Every structure is written in C-alpha cells, then in structure tokens.
Amino acid sequence: MKKCVFYVLTLFALGSCSREEIQTNQVEAEIIQTDPLSARQINEQINETTKTKGRFSWNEASSHFLWSGIIQGNKIASIGFGDSKDDFDRSKSSNSEALQNEILEVIKQYEGNKERVLMASDEYLNQIDVYIEKQETVIALRKLKSIRYFEPADYRYFENENKINGASAKSSSSSSGCGLESTALNASDYTTVSPNAKAPWSFAKHNITSAWNYSTGSGVTIGLIDSGVSFNQSLLSGSFNNGLSSGRTISKNGVYVDSVWPWSSGYDGADDKCGHGTSMASAMAAPRNNQGQPVGVAYNANLISYRAASNVVLDGYHEQEGVKIAFTNLANTTSVKIISMSMGHIFSVGKIEDGVKYAYSKGKLIFCAGGTSTNFTTFVGVIFPAWMSETQAITGVKENTSNQKCDVCHSGSEIDFTYQMERSSGNNIPVLSYYNGQTDYVGGSSVATASTAGIAALVWSKNPSWTREQVLNKMRQSATYYPTKNADYGYGNINVLQAVQ
C-alpha cells in the first residue's frame, strides 16, 4: 500500500493520499501499546476512577483501555448507535439499518474477512454485539459520529475483583444476594392481620396496613426483573390468589442463558435458583393469606416476573443481555405500569441504559435499588441504573429514621425515596421463603425498592386514570422531606395512608 508522508511541524501535509489511507494512518498513529492490560490493571483503574471522579464510563476511557476490556471479555463489544445520543429506539430511527451497516463495514475493513462479525442485533434498540480483536478496529470505530456508546460486552468486573481479592471466581452469596435459607420469624417483627397473614413491622411505620382500607393494588400489574420466582413457593405460584387476595394473575418468564460462554443460547427457564427474586416478589405482592405467612405491600396487584440474571450483580454478557431483554419485553407489555429491579452495577451498561430508556418512553414507572455494599464496593455511591433520571432510586434506612441508611445501604443525591427496613435488633423485613410454608428475612436497598414499587401500585390502583408523573407527585407529597429533597435521601419515607387518600 502507498504510504502517506506527513510533516507534523509544517502547515501542510505533503503527498497524495486517499481518504481511506489518511484514516488508516490516523488509526496507526494512535496505537501506543500493543499488549492489552490485564484484568487486574483494568479493575484497578476502574476503582481509582470511581473513587476520584465518583463514576467510571467506558466512553471516557482511552481506546487502548477499551480494547483491553474487550480482549479480556471474550473479544465481544456492545455498540449503541444513532443520529443522536437519544436515538435508541429502532422503530423511530429512520436510518438504523444504514448506520448498523456502516459500523459492520468498518469492522470488516480492519478485522478482515472473518466468518462472523455480528453476534446479535437488537429487535427494538439501536444496539448490536460484535466480535473484535484488533486495537485498530476500536480506534477506527470511535471516530464514527453515529456511535453513542462502545463497551466490552462480557468484561466481568466483579468476577475479576473476586479473583484479585482471593475469593472464588463466582460471587459469594453475601455479595450476590443469593440464599435459599429459611428463618423462623421473631414475633415482635410482625402483626397478624386477617385472615391469618403476617404484616411485617415496617408496614405500621409507613401506614401501609391503614392504607389497605383505600387500596390493595387491584388492577395494577408490576413487572419484576430479578433472578426469577421460586416454583417451590405456592403462595407465589398456584396459591397466588389466597385469603383476601383474589382475581389477579402471576406470570413467570425466563430470559437468562446460564452459561459462561457468551455465544451460548437457550434460556434456562423462569424458576429462581438464587432466592433473591422470590424475596422481592414476596415483599411487593405476596397474598394476604390464611396460612400464617408474610403478606406483601400490594397484595392484590398482578405480577409479571422475569428471570434475567443469576444474581443481583449484573456481571457478564448473559446477565446484562437478559436484563435488557426483560426491560424491552415489559416495556411492550401494555398492562405493566410499574417495573422494579433490585440489581445493578457500579458503572453504566449501555444496552441496559437503552432498555431503561425504552421502558420509560412507554410510560413505565421504574424503581431501582440504590445499592447494597459487597465487601469490596463500599466506596461506591448510588449504583447503575438507579442513578439514571428515568428511574426512581430507592435505599433502605433504619427504623424510625429517614436519614440513617441501613448498615449496607448506599445513599447519595440520586436517591428519590427511602424505606425503613432495618431494626435496632438487626432484623430486616419478613418475607416468604424460597420453600413453601417457610419464612425468611431480607434487607438492603433491594427490599426497600420492591416495597416502594408495591406502594406505587397502591397509589395507582386508587387512581387508575393517573399518569406516571401524577402517581410520583402523590408519593413525593406524602413523604418526609417534601417539597425539598434531602441531599442524600431524596423525599424520604412515604406515608402510604396519606398517599392513597
């Protein structure tokens, strides 16, 4: 190939070069390091950036750093494209196919004639997953104005952090939010309500049991994105209508591929194999039963659950892909008014961000957990996607407070509401266990989020013609700090009785 000669210190570049040759020379000039960073080096820089700037973004990283993440993540990248930063909806994008083809052509130009370049193209979003090996490809793609974000699609930050810290490759149960244990409830942590259900102690603190005289969540459908809902818990299965809960439905779906290989396919079903999703479903919508078991906040609401991930840490290709699919599917389910997700990441994931924006554009009211610390993320503030403006970020606080976060909960300016979920005894919220006829406790910002989603269902059920913003305004007006948000705890605790009157 003819080489172009540039005299950097002169005003003019001498030589005859085609546009393609000039671009190639620019790409070659930008390559500084030929070897990718190690996973340890990548994680260290992510942590340092998060500590110093408050947030890490692949978009702001160098091309070499991004390429290193792609290489360390099975050589798969996720690309969001469009004519503007808000051009995420494929159905509203006039030239999405042309923009996608432009990206694929650049990849082919630098990667050569590979058997496969495109791994996946989203049906609803301007988002694709592609195979990339060369640093030159990354540099060339970043010069395209049509790219909204460009990220590793399978870089496993938490798995690498566990390895660095000497833990097992898989997240431990304490950091993953999983556990199939059952625990007998302390009698002081609940009150018995008709016909024979256990109302958690927090219900009295938020005036939920009194609010039931006005609304029980009837007619409202909540979408739950989590680890699934147990098939072994009858009150969240065949006995979803039990006691004073009637005329409602529960639907369980699975969009998670249980494989370490990103190119694997085949969903592994809707059943919860972690326990976390079952606890969330219980907190928001368990029936007001006659079996002496815990009841949920909106005990007459409908529930559509999605098993989108194996645990609460959205680490790796299949969990991030599953969550994106769950958001778009729920967005396109017209009966769904509310979406609750008590999972997240310490930095943004473009395809999930697109999924959230897509659901928001369809009028959904979205609640996300503000964050619950693992043993190595105590320096993180409000997590993704709770920090997004399209979501309502929820965190947990201690009993009888609105500005004392639970021992493992996160706080920050992005928080919108709080929920009391930690007692002085250390006990949290009573819920149905994974197994039939058994109980457990669950804490953190997770249960605070699920409970607040249930509160929203009560408000919307009482006012079925309201918009999302009207429901939110009523919740805000019924909370501790209205009309001025607290710097770290949003509007605080919601007086649910006031919210439904």
Protein backbone atom coordinates (compact mmCIF):
# COMPACT_ATOMS: atom_id res chain seq x y z
CA MET A 1 0.00 0.00 0.00
CA LYS A 2 1.22 3.51 -0.85
CA LYS A 3 2.36 5.31 2.31
CA CYS A 4 1.40 8.91 3.10
CA VAL A 5 4.10 11.22 4.36
CA PHE A 6 3.13 13.93 6.85
CA TYR A 7 5.38 16.70 8.11
CA VAL A 8 3.89 17.34 11.51
CA LEU A 9 5.65 20.67 12.15
CA THR A 10 4.59 22.27 8.86
CA LEU A 11 1.20 23.69 7.97
CA PHE A 12 0.65 21.28 5.10
CA ALA A 13 0.75 17.52 4.71
CA LEU A 14 2.67 16.64 1.58
CA GLY A 15 1.87 13.65 -0.56
CA SER A 16 -1.09 12.24 -2.42
CA CYS A 17 -3.37 10.12 -0.21
CA SER A 18 -6.87 8.77 -0.46
CA ARG A 19 -9.35 9.42 2.36
CA GLU A 20 -9.18 5.75 3.36
CA GLU A 21 -5.37 5.88 3.51
CA ILE A 22 -5.43 9.03 5.65
CA GLN A 23 -7.87 7.38 8.09
CA THR A 24 -5.69 4.28 8.24
CA ASN A 25 -2.62 6.38 9.03
CA GLN A 26 -4.54 8.23 11.75
CA VAL A 27 -5.54 4.91 13.30
CA GLU A 28 -2.00 3.58 13.16
CA ALA A 29 -0.66 6.78 14.72
CA GLU A 30 -2.95 6.42 17.72
CA ILE A 31 -1.71 2.94 18.66
CA ILE A 32 0.77 3.31 21.50
CA GLN A 33 0.71 -0.05 23.30
CA THR A 34 0.37 -3.38 21.57
CA ASP A 35 -0.40 -5.57 24.56
CA PRO A 36 -3.77 -5.41 26.37
CA LEU A 37 -3.93 -4.54 30.04
CA SER A 38 -4.52 -7.36 32.50
CA ALA A 39 -7.85 -7.73 34.29
CA ARG A 40 -6.14 -6.57 37.48
CA GLN A 41 -4.88 -3.41 35.79
CA ILE A 42 -8.33 -2.71 34.32
CA ASN A 43 -10.09 -3.17 37.64
CA GLU A 44 -7.56 -1.02 39.47
CA GLN A 45 -8.15 1.84 37.04
CA ILE A 46 -11.94 1.44 37.25
CA ASN A 47 -11.76 1.58 41.03
CA GLU A 48 -9.44 4.56 41.06
CA THR A 49 -11.64 6.49 38.62
CA THR A 50 -14.75 5.68 40.65
CA LYS A 51 -13.09 6.86 43.86
CA THR A 52 -11.72 10.09 42.42
CA LYS A 53 -14.46 11.08 39.95
CA GLY A 54 -17.43 9.27 41.50
CA ARG A 55 -18.20 7.33 38.34
CA PHE A 56 -16.47 5.27 35.63
CA SER A 57 -17.50 5.20 31.98
CA TRP A 58 -16.01 3.19 29.12
CA ASN A 59 -16.86 6.12 26.83
CA GLU A 60 -14.35 8.27 28.68
CA ALA A 61 -11.58 5.67 28.72
CA SER A 62 -8.74 5.53 26.20
CA SER A 63 -9.01 3.34 23.12
CA HIS A 64 -6.28 1.09 24.49
CA PHE A 65 -8.15 0.68 27.77
CA LEU A 66 -11.41 -0.09 25.95
CA TRP A 67 -9.68 -2.56 23.67
CA SER A 68 -8.10 -4.24 26.71
CA GLY A 69 -11.55 -4.66 28.27
CA ILE A 70 -12.88 -6.19 25.07
CA ILE A 71 -9.96 -8.60 24.83
CA GLN A 72 -10.35 -9.60 28.49
CA GLY A 73 -14.08 -10.07 27.85
CA ASN A 74 -14.05 -12.78 25.18
CA LYS A 75 -13.45 -10.23 22.39
CA ILE A 76 -17.10 -9.13 22.32
CA ALA A 77 -18.19 -5.49 22.23
CA SER A 78 -21.56 -3.83 22.66
CA ILE A 79 -22.25 -0.83 20.42
CA GLY A 80 -25.12 1.62 20.64
CA PHE A 81 -25.62 3.79 17.58
CA GLY A 82 -27.88 6.51 16.26
CA ASP A 83 -28.08 10.02 14.84
CA SER A 84 -28.02 11.48 18.37
CA LYS A 85 -27.48 10.38 21.95
CA ASP A 86 -31.23 9.85 22.34
CA ASP A 87 -31.67 7.87 19.13
CA PHE A 88 -32.06 4.48 20.83
CA ASP A 89 -35.48 3.30 19.58
CA ARG A 90 -35.02 1.34 16.35
CA SER A 91 -38.66 1.88 15.33
CA LYS A 92 -38.19 5.66 15.49
CA SER A 93 -34.81 5.72 13.77
CA SER A 94 -35.06 6.48 10.05
CA ASN A 95 -31.67 5.08 9.07
CA SER A 96 -30.80 2.49 11.73
CA GLU A 97 -30.01 -0.17 9.15
CA ALA A 98 -27.62 2.11 7.28
CA LEU A 99 -25.83 3.13 10.48
CA GLN A 100 -25.52 -0.52 11.57
CA ASN A 101 -24.10 -1.49 8.18
CA GLU A 102 -21.59 1.37 8.35
CA ILE A 103 -20.29 0.03 11.65
CA LEU A 104 -20.05 -3.52 10.32
CA GLU A 105 -18.17 -2.33 7.24
CA VAL A 106 -15.56 -0.56 9.39
CA ILE A 107 -15.12 -3.73 11.44
CA LYS A 108 -14.66 -5.83 8.31
CA GLN A 109 -12.16 -3.32 6.94
CA TYR A 110 -9.86 -3.75 9.93
CA GLU A 111 -10.67 -7.29 11.07
CA GLY A 112 -10.57 -8.83 7.62
CA ASN A 113 -12.90 -11.46 6.19
CA LYS A 114 -13.92 -13.22 9.39
CA GLU A 115 -16.58 -15.90 9.44
CA ARG A 116 -18.63 -13.91 11.93
CA VAL A 117 -18.63 -10.25 12.89
CA LEU A 118 -22.19 -9.61 14.10
CA MET A 119 -23.14 -11.61 17.17
CA ALA A 120 -26.55 -10.04 17.88
CA SER A 121 -28.71 -7.16 16.65
CA ASP A 122 -31.46 -5.95 18.97
CA GLU A 123 -35.01 -6.02 17.65
CA TYR A 124 -36.15 -2.85 19.43
CA LEU A 125 -32.99 -0.88 20.14
CA ASN A 126 -30.20 0.63 18.07
CA GLN A 127 -27.74 -1.77 19.66
CA ILE A 128 -25.53 -4.59 18.40
CA ASP A 129 -22.97 -7.01 19.80
CA VAL A 130 -19.90 -7.67 17.64
CA TYR A 131 -16.66 -9.64 17.66
CA ILE A 132 -13.49 -7.52 17.72
CA GLU A 133 -9.83 -8.50 18.06
CA LYS A 134 -7.75 -5.58 16.83
CA GLN A 135 -6.97 -2.32 18.55
CA GLU A 136 -7.08 -0.58 15.18
CA THR A 137 -10.75 -1.55 14.88
CA VAL A 138 -11.56 0.09 18.20
CA ILE A 139 -9.79 3.31 17.23
CA ALA A 140 -11.49 3.46 13.83
CA LEU A 141 -14.95 2.82 15.25
CA ARG A 142 -14.59 5.55 17.85
CA LYS A 143 -14.16 8.07 15.05
CA LEU A 144 -17.70 7.38 13.79
CA LYS A 145 -20.16 10.09 14.81
CA SER A 146 -23.00 7.56 14.81
CA ILE A 147 -21.72 5.61 17.83
CA ARG A 148 -23.50 6.52 21.09
CA TYR A 149 -21.53 4.09 23.26
CA PHE A 150 -18.89 1.42 22.71
CA GLU A 151 -18.18 -1.03 25.54
CA PRO A 152 -16.88 -4.51 26.32
CA ALA A 153 -19.93 -6.79 26.31
CA ASP A 154 -18.53 -9.51 28.55
CA TYR A 155 -15.99 -7.87 30.85
CA ARG A 156 -16.60 -9.39 34.30
CA TYR A 157 -15.57 -6.72 36.77
CA PHE A 158 -16.93 -8.46 39.88
CA GLU A 159 -15.58 -11.88 38.94
CA ASN A 160 -12.15 -10.33 38.36
CA GLU A 161 -12.38 -8.40 41.63
CA ASN A 162 -13.14 -11.63 43.48
CA LYS A 163 -10.10 -13.27 41.90
CA ILE A 164 -7.89 -10.31 42.77
CA ASN A 165 -9.08 -10.40 46.36
CA GLY A 166 -8.53 -14.14 46.64
CA ALA A 167 -12.18 -15.17 46.58
CA SER A 168 -13.75 -17.76 44.31
CA ALA A 169 -14.39 -16.87 40.70
CA LYS A 170 -18.12 -16.79 41.32
CA SER A 171 -19.60 -14.12 43.54
CA SER A 172 -20.08 -15.24 47.10
CA SER A 173 -23.62 -15.48 48.42
CA SER A 174 -23.10 -12.41 50.56
CA SER A 175 -22.25 -10.23 47.57
CA SER A 176 -24.58 -11.89 45.06
CA GLY A 177 -27.72 -11.51 47.17
CA CYS A 178 -28.47 -15.23 46.92
CA GLY A 179 -29.52 -17.62 49.65
CA LEU A 180 -32.12 -20.36 49.95
CA GLU A 181 -32.24 -20.33 53.73
CA SER A 182 -35.42 -20.24 55.82
CA THR A 183 -35.64 -18.47 59.18
CA ALA A 184 -38.32 -18.52 61.87
CA LEU A 185 -39.69 -15.02 62.43
CA ASN A 186 -39.45 -13.20 65.74
CA ALA A 187 -42.98 -12.44 66.97
CA SER A 188 -42.04 -8.80 67.50
CA ASP A 189 -41.27 -8.38 63.78
CA TYR A 190 -44.84 -8.74 62.54
CA THR A 191 -48.51 -8.33 63.45
CA THR A 192 -51.20 -10.79 62.45
CA VAL A 193 -53.91 -9.45 60.14
CA SER A 194 -56.99 -11.15 58.77
CA PRO A 195 -57.46 -13.81 57.56
CA ASN A 196 -54.19 -15.08 59.11
CA ALA A 197 -51.31 -13.24 57.49
CA LYS A 198 -48.17 -11.74 58.97
CA ALA A 199 -47.81 -7.99 58.24
CA PRO A 200 -44.11 -7.00 58.53
CA TRP A 201 -43.20 -4.44 61.22
CA SER A 202 -42.35 -1.86 58.54
CA PHE A 203 -45.97 -1.73 57.36
CA ALA A 204 -47.01 0.12 60.50
CA LYS A 205 -44.08 2.53 60.13
CA HIS A 206 -45.28 3.51 56.65
CA ASN A 207 -49.02 3.27 57.42
CA ILE A 208 -49.45 0.51 54.84
CA THR A 209 -51.99 -1.58 56.75
CA SER A 210 -54.17 1.51 57.23
CA ALA A 211 -53.81 2.33 53.53
CA TRP A 212 -55.38 -1.04 52.66
CA ASN A 213 -58.74 0.43 53.61
CA TYR A 214 -58.42 2.54 50.46
CA SER A 215 -56.33 0.43 48.05
CA THR A 216 -54.91 -3.08 47.78
CA GLY A 217 -53.20 -2.81 44.39
CA SER A 218 -56.07 -4.32 42.42
CA GLY A 219 -55.89 -3.77 38.67
CA VAL A 220 -52.21 -2.79 38.61
CA THR A 221 -49.51 -5.00 37.11
CA ILE A 222 -45.94 -4.85 38.40
CA GLY A 223 -43.03 -6.14 36.33
CA LEU A 224 -40.21 -7.68 38.39
CA ILE A 225 -36.74 -8.04 36.87
CA ASP A 226 -34.62 -10.30 39.07
CA SER A 227 -33.40 -13.87 39.47
CA GLY A 228 -36.87 -15.36 38.94
CA VAL A 229 -39.56 -16.50 41.37
CA SER A 230 -39.47 -19.90 43.08
CA PHE A 231 -41.73 -22.64 41.75
CA ASN A 232 -41.44 -24.18 45.24
CA GLN A 233 -43.36 -21.33 46.92
CA SER A 234 -47.08 -21.99 46.43
CA LEU A 235 -48.17 -18.50 47.56
CA LEU A 236 -46.20 -17.12 44.60
CA SER A 237 -47.45 -19.84 42.28
CA GLY A 238 -50.77 -21.71 42.28
CA SER A 239 -51.97 -20.09 45.51
CA PHE A 240 -51.20 -16.52 44.42
CA ASN A 241 -54.91 -15.93 44.99
CA ASN A 242 -55.36 -16.96 48.61
CA GLY A 243 -57.17 -15.45 51.59
CA LEU A 244 -58.06 -11.85 50.77
CA SER A 245 -56.09 -11.84 47.53
CA SER A 246 -58.29 -12.63 44.54
CA GLY A 247 -58.86 -12.04 40.84
CA ARG A 248 -55.22 -11.46 39.97
CA THR A 249 -52.52 -13.20 37.96
CA ILE A 250 -48.85 -14.08 38.21
CA SER A 251 -46.73 -14.78 35.14
CA LYS A 252 -43.16 -16.12 35.28
CA ASN A 253 -40.73 -15.71 32.39
CA GLY A 254 -37.07 -16.53 31.80
CA VAL A 255 -34.64 -14.66 29.53
CA TYR A 256 -31.34 -15.72 31.10
CA VAL A 257 -28.83 -18.06 29.49
CA ASP A 258 -26.95 -19.94 32.21
CA SER A 259 -23.54 -20.24 30.59
CA VAL A 260 -20.09 -18.70 30.98
CA TRP A 261 -19.82 -18.60 27.18
CA PRO A 262 -21.44 -15.50 25.66
CA TRP A 263 -22.20 -17.27 22.38
CA SER A 264 -24.30 -19.93 24.13
CA SER A 265 -28.06 -19.79 23.62
CA GLY A 266 -31.18 -21.24 25.23
CA TYR A 267 -32.92 -19.71 28.25
CA ASP A 268 -32.78 -21.81 31.42
CA GLY A 269 -36.36 -21.10 32.49
CA ALA A 270 -38.24 -18.83 34.87
CA ASP A 271 -37.54 -20.63 38.16
CA ASP A 272 -35.46 -18.79 40.76
CA LYS A 273 -32.19 -20.55 41.55
CA CYS A 274 -30.89 -17.77 43.79
CA GLY A 275 -33.73 -16.82 46.15
CA HIS A 276 -33.43 -13.06 45.74
CA GLY A 277 -36.22 -12.66 43.19
CA THR A 278 -38.58 -14.73 45.34
CA SER A 279 -37.97 -12.40 48.29
CA MET A 280 -38.66 -9.33 46.14
CA ALA A 281 -41.88 -10.82 44.78
CA SER A 282 -42.99 -11.57 48.33
CA ALA A 283 -42.21 -8.08 49.62
CA MET A 284 -44.21 -6.36 46.88
CA ALA A 285 -47.12 -8.71 46.21
CA ALA A 286 -47.36 -11.84 48.43
CA PRO A 287 -51.05 -12.68 49.07
CA ARG A 288 -52.91 -11.62 52.19
CA ASN A 289 -53.07 -15.29 53.02
CA ASN A 290 -54.77 -17.54 55.54
CA GLN A 291 -51.66 -19.66 56.11
CA GLY A 292 -49.82 -17.59 58.71
CA GLN A 293 -47.26 -16.34 56.16
CA PRO A 294 -45.92 -12.83 55.38
CA VAL A 295 -48.05 -10.59 53.15
CA GLY A 296 -46.78 -8.15 50.52
CA VAL A 297 -47.44 -4.42 50.23
CA ALA A 298 -49.77 -4.65 47.20
CA TYR A 299 -51.45 -7.96 47.91
CA ASN A 300 -53.99 -7.67 45.10
CA ALA A 301 -51.61 -6.50 42.35
CA ASN A 302 -50.76 -8.64 39.34
CA LEU A 303 -47.15 -9.71 38.90
CA ILE A 304 -45.05 -10.49 35.84
CA SER A 305 -41.58 -11.72 36.77
CA TYR A 306 -38.51 -12.11 34.57
CA ARG A 307 -35.57 -14.29 35.46
CA ALA A 308 -32.97 -12.09 33.78
CA ALA A 309 -29.83 -12.89 35.78
CA SER A 310 -28.38 -15.48 38.14
CA ASN A 311 -27.94 -12.96 40.97
CA VAL A 312 -28.06 -9.25 41.75
CA VAL A 313 -24.61 -8.44 40.35
CA LEU A 314 -25.06 -7.82 36.62
CA ASP A 315 -21.67 -9.17 35.65
CA GLY A 316 -21.09 -10.60 32.21
CA TYR A 317 -22.81 -10.93 28.87
CA HIS A 318 -25.85 -13.07 29.62
CA GLU A 319 -26.95 -11.16 32.72
CA GLN A 320 -26.69 -7.78 31.01
CA GLU A 321 -28.38 -9.12 27.89
CA GLY A 322 -31.13 -10.74 29.98
CA VAL A 323 -31.89 -7.50 31.82
CA LYS A 324 -32.01 -5.55 28.56
CA ILE A 325 -34.47 -8.06 27.09
CA ALA A 326 -36.61 -8.01 30.25
CA PHE A 327 -36.89 -4.22 30.13
CA THR A 328 -37.87 -4.17 26.46
CA ASN A 329 -40.37 -7.01 26.89
CA LEU A 330 -42.02 -5.34 29.89
CA ALA A 331 -41.98 -2.03 28.02
CA ASN A 332 -44.01 -3.66 25.27
CA THR A 333 -46.47 -5.27 27.70
CA THR A 334 -49.25 -2.70 27.85
CA SER A 335 -50.73 -3.99 31.13
CA VAL A 336 -47.48 -3.28 33.02
CA LYS A 337 -47.43 0.09 34.77
CA ILE A 338 -44.53 -0.41 37.20
CA ILE A 339 -41.12 -2.07 36.82
CA SER A 340 -38.96 -2.94 39.82
CA MET A 341 -35.34 -4.10 39.67
CA SER A 342 -33.15 -4.63 42.71
CA MET A 343 -29.99 -5.43 40.75
CA GLY A 344 -27.26 -3.30 39.22
CA HIS A 345 -23.64 -2.49 38.52
CA ILE A 346 -21.10 0.07 39.74
CA PHE A 347 -20.73 1.53 36.24
CA SER A 348 -23.14 2.04 33.36
CA VAL A 349 -24.00 -0.67 30.85
CA GLY A 350 -25.13 0.87 27.57
CA LYS A 351 -27.57 -1.83 26.50
CA ILE A 352 -29.30 -1.77 29.90
CA GLU A 353 -29.43 2.02 29.79
CA ASP A 354 -31.14 1.74 26.41
CA GLY A 355 -33.60 -0.80 27.83
CA VAL A 356 -34.47 1.51 30.73
CA LYS A 357 -34.97 4.49 28.39
CA TYR A 358 -37.12 2.36 26.11
CA ALA A 359 -39.37 1.30 29.01
CA TYR A 360 -39.56 4.88 30.27
CA SER A 361 -40.60 6.05 26.80
CA LYS A 362 -43.53 3.64 27.06
CA GLY A 363 -44.79 5.32 30.24
CA LYS A 364 -43.49 2.80 32.79
CA LEU A 365 -42.70 3.89 36.36
CA ILE A 366 -39.31 2.33 37.12
CA PHE A 367 -37.84 1.66 40.58
CA CYS A 368 -34.20 0.58 41.01
CA ALA A 369 -32.11 -0.23 44.06
CA GLY A 370 -29.67 2.48 45.14
CA GLY A 371 -27.09 -0.13 46.08
CA THR A 372 -26.13 -2.60 48.79
CA SER A 373 -22.42 -2.95 49.53
CA THR A 374 -20.36 -6.01 48.82
CA ASN A 375 -17.13 -6.44 50.71
CA PHE A 376 -15.24 -4.52 48.00
CA THR A 377 -17.69 -1.84 46.81
CA THR A 378 -18.08 0.23 49.96
CA PHE A 379 -16.57 3.24 48.12
CA VAL A 380 -19.41 3.28 45.58
CA GLY A 381 -22.33 5.71 45.81
CA VAL A 382 -25.70 5.15 44.15
CA ILE A 383 -25.31 2.38 41.59
CA PHE A 384 -26.40 1.97 37.98
CA PRO A 385 -29.15 2.08 36.73
CA ALA A 386 -30.64 3.72 39.84
CA TRP A 387 -28.65 6.89 39.13
CA MET A 388 -30.48 7.36 35.80
CA SER A 389 -33.04 10.17 35.63
CA GLU A 390 -35.55 7.72 34.14
CA THR A 391 -35.58 5.63 37.32
CA GLN A 392 -36.61 6.19 40.91
CA ALA A 393 -33.65 5.28 43.15
CA ILE A 394 -34.56 3.68 46.47
CA THR A 395 -32.47 2.93 49.53
CA GLY A 396 -33.13 1.41 52.94
CA VAL A 397 -32.97 3.25 56.27
CA LYS A 398 -33.08 2.23 59.89
CA GLU A 399 -36.28 2.00 61.87
CA ASN A 400 -37.81 5.35 62.91
CA THR A 401 -35.37 7.31 60.74
CA SER A 402 -35.40 8.80 57.26
CA ASN A 403 -31.74 9.79 57.03
CA GLN A 404 -29.81 6.95 58.63
CA LYS A 405 -29.07 4.37 55.96
CA CYS A 406 -29.00 0.70 56.77
CA ASP A 407 -25.58 -0.76 57.56
CA VAL A 408 -25.02 -1.98 53.98
CA CYS A 409 -27.16 0.50 52.01
CA HIS A 410 -25.92 3.26 49.70
CA SER A 411 -27.06 6.87 49.68
CA GLY A 412 -26.49 9.93 47.53
CA SER A 413 -28.03 12.79 45.61
CA GLU A 414 -29.73 10.44 43.14
CA ILE A 415 -31.87 8.77 45.84
CA ASP A 416 -35.60 9.53 45.45
CA PHE A 417 -37.27 7.65 48.34
CA THR A 418 -36.36 5.63 51.41
CA TYR A 419 -37.99 2.68 53.17
CA GLN A 420 -37.49 1.55 56.77
CA MET A 421 -36.10 -1.98 56.63
CA GLU A 422 -33.54 -2.37 59.45
CA ARG A 423 -34.48 -2.70 63.13
CA SER A 424 -32.28 -1.95 66.12
CA SER A 425 -32.21 -5.72 66.66
CA GLY A 426 -30.62 -6.06 63.23
CA ASN A 427 -33.64 -7.89 61.80
CA ASN A 428 -34.91 -6.83 58.41
CA ILE A 429 -38.20 -7.44 56.55
CA PRO A 430 -40.12 -10.73 56.95
CA VAL A 431 -40.88 -12.39 53.60
CA LEU A 432 -41.91 -15.73 52.17
CA SER A 433 -39.05 -18.19 51.90
CA TYR A 434 -37.95 -19.90 48.72
CA TYR A 435 -39.66 -23.01 50.05
CA ASN A 436 -43.36 -23.49 50.65
CA GLY A 437 -44.62 -22.88 54.18
CA GLN A 438 -41.40 -21.24 55.34
CA THR A 439 -40.25 -17.68 56.05
CA ASP A 440 -37.12 -15.57 55.90
CA TYR A 441 -35.77 -12.04 56.39
CA VAL A 442 -34.44 -9.84 53.60
CA GLY A 443 -32.70 -6.45 53.79
CA GLY A 444 -30.72 -3.84 51.89
CA SER A 445 -31.84 -1.42 49.25
CA SER A 446 -33.28 -4.42 47.42
CA VAL A 447 -36.28 -4.94 49.69
CA ALA A 448 -36.68 -1.17 50.05
CA THR A 449 -37.07 -0.97 46.27
CA ALA A 450 -39.55 -3.85 45.98
CA SER A 451 -41.62 -2.44 48.84
CA THR A 452 -41.71 1.02 47.28
CA ALA A 453 -42.83 -0.48 43.97
CA GLY A 454 -45.68 -2.06 45.93
CA ILE A 455 -46.54 1.34 47.41
CA ALA A 456 -46.70 2.82 43.90
CA ALA A 457 -49.13 0.04 42.94
CA LEU A 458 -51.41 1.05 45.84
CA VAL A 459 -51.40 4.67 44.72
CA TRP A 460 -52.00 3.85 41.05
CA SER A 461 -54.75 1.35 41.93
CA LYS A 462 -56.56 4.06 43.88
CA ASN A 463 -56.20 6.44 40.90
CA PRO A 464 -56.26 4.23 37.77
CA SER A 465 -56.59 7.14 35.32
CA TRP A 466 -53.47 8.90 36.59
CA THR A 467 -50.23 9.27 34.66
CA ARG A 468 -46.85 8.14 35.93
CA GLU A 469 -45.99 11.70 36.96
CA GLN A 470 -49.22 12.12 38.92
CA VAL A 471 -48.50 8.93 40.85
CA LEU A 472 -44.96 10.10 41.59
CA ASN A 473 -46.11 13.54 42.69
CA LYS A 474 -48.55 11.99 45.16
CA MET A 475 -45.81 9.78 46.57
CA ARG A 476 -43.50 12.79 46.91
CA GLN A 477 -46.17 14.92 48.57
CA SER A 478 -46.73 12.13 51.11
CA ALA A 479 -43.06 11.76 52.04
CA THR A 480 -40.88 13.15 54.82
CA TYR A 481 -38.94 15.93 53.09
CA TYR A 482 -41.44 17.22 50.52
CA PRO A 483 -41.17 19.69 48.83
CA THR A 484 -37.37 19.85 49.18
CA LYS A 485 -35.32 16.69 48.63
CA ASN A 486 -32.76 15.71 51.21
CA ALA A 487 -29.22 15.79 49.80
CA ASP A 488 -28.72 12.04 50.29
CA TYR A 489 -32.17 10.54 50.96
CA GLY A 490 -34.50 12.12 48.43
CA TYR A 491 -38.02 12.72 49.65
CA GLY A 492 -37.55 10.19 52.46
CA ASN A 493 -40.13 7.78 53.85
CA ILE A 494 -43.62 7.65 52.29
CA ASN A 495 -46.74 7.88 54.46
CA VAL A 496 -48.75 5.42 52.40
CA LEU A 497 -52.07 6.21 54.07
CA GLN A 498 -51.68 9.85 53.06
CA ALA A 499 -50.64 8.76 49.55
CA VAL A 500 -53.87 6.85 48.90
CA GLN A 501 -56.30 9.29 50.48
